[in-house]
Amino acid sequence: MADLTPTPDRPGLHVSKPSPNTPATGSVVCHCGAKATATGDNQVRALVEGYTANHGPAHNRTGR
């Protein structure tokens, strides 16, 4: 299986939750240079919301 972790060369969002009893983990790298990681379901949810609102797809809407 390919490594899906985002990098500066392959920006994006990756979330993993291998089982219901394991905390989620997430990482993001944006083409603008921003990057972040999170552990725990609530923190990963906030990471996804922040990435979606301010990076990744948001850059296409605002031209930043």
Protein backbone atom coordinates (compact mmCIF):
# COMPACT_ATOMS: atom_id res chain seq x y z
CA MET A 1 0.00 0.00 0.00
CA ALA A 2 1.25 3.47 -0.86
CA ASP A 3 2.25 5.96 1.83
CA LEU A 4 -0.60 8.48 1.94
CA THR A 5 1.05 10.93 4.34
CA PRO A 6 1.03 14.41 2.77
CA THR A 7 4.35 16.06 1.95
CA PRO A 8 5.35 19.43 0.47
CA ASP A 9 5.61 17.65 -2.90
CA ARG A 10 2.22 15.97 -2.39
CA PRO A 11 0.11 18.35 -0.26
CA GLY A 12 -3.17 17.17 1.17
CA LEU A 13 -4.99 15.74 4.13
CA HIS A 14 -4.63 12.26 5.64
CA VAL A 15 -6.76 10.85 8.46
CA SER A 16 -6.45 7.40 10.00
CA LYS A 17 -8.56 5.56 12.55
CA PRO A 18 -7.64 1.88 12.37
CA SER A 19 -10.31 0.75 14.84
CA PRO A 20 -13.18 2.21 16.85
CA ASN A 21 -11.09 1.92 20.03
CA THR A 22 -8.04 3.71 18.62
CA PRO A 23 -7.80 7.52 18.58
CA ALA A 24 -7.80 9.10 15.15
CA THR A 25 -4.62 10.66 13.79
CA GLY A 26 -4.37 13.25 11.07
CA SER A 27 -1.83 15.28 9.16
CA VAL A 28 -2.11 18.07 6.63
CA VAL A 29 0.33 19.85 4.36
CA CYS A 30 -0.85 22.74 2.21
CA HIS A 31 0.79 23.97 -0.96
CA CYS A 32 1.15 27.37 0.81
CA GLY A 33 3.58 25.73 3.27
CA ALA A 34 1.28 25.30 6.27
CA LYS A 35 1.39 21.91 7.99
CA ALA A 36 -0.07 20.37 11.11
CA THR A 37 -0.77 17.08 12.86
CA ALA A 38 -3.39 16.00 15.38
CA THR A 39 -4.14 13.00 17.59
CA GLY A 40 -7.54 12.24 19.06
CA ASP A 41 -10.96 12.29 17.48
CA ASN A 42 -11.89 15.86 18.45
CA GLN A 43 -8.48 17.28 17.53
CA VAL A 44 -8.52 15.54 14.14
CA ARG A 45 -12.04 16.82 13.48
CA ALA A 46 -10.80 20.37 14.21
CA LEU A 47 -7.77 19.80 11.97
CA VAL A 48 -10.00 18.73 9.07
CA GLU A 49 -12.36 21.67 9.58
CA GLY A 50 -9.47 24.14 9.73
CA TYR A 51 -7.79 22.69 6.65
CA THR A 52 -11.04 22.74 4.68
CA ALA A 53 -11.91 26.29 5.74
CA ASN A 54 -8.46 27.89 5.41
CA HIS A 55 -6.23 25.74 3.19
CA GLY A 56 -6.46 23.13 0.45
CA PRO A 57 -9.89 23.67 -1.14
CA ALA A 58 -10.21 27.17 0.35
CA HIS A 59 -7.25 28.41 -1.70
CA ASN A 60 -9.15 27.52 -4.85
CA ARG A 61 -12.14 29.62 -3.71
CA THR A 62 -10.18 32.67 -2.58
CA GLY A 63 -7.20 32.64 -4.94
CA ARG A 64 -4.70 32.81 -2.03
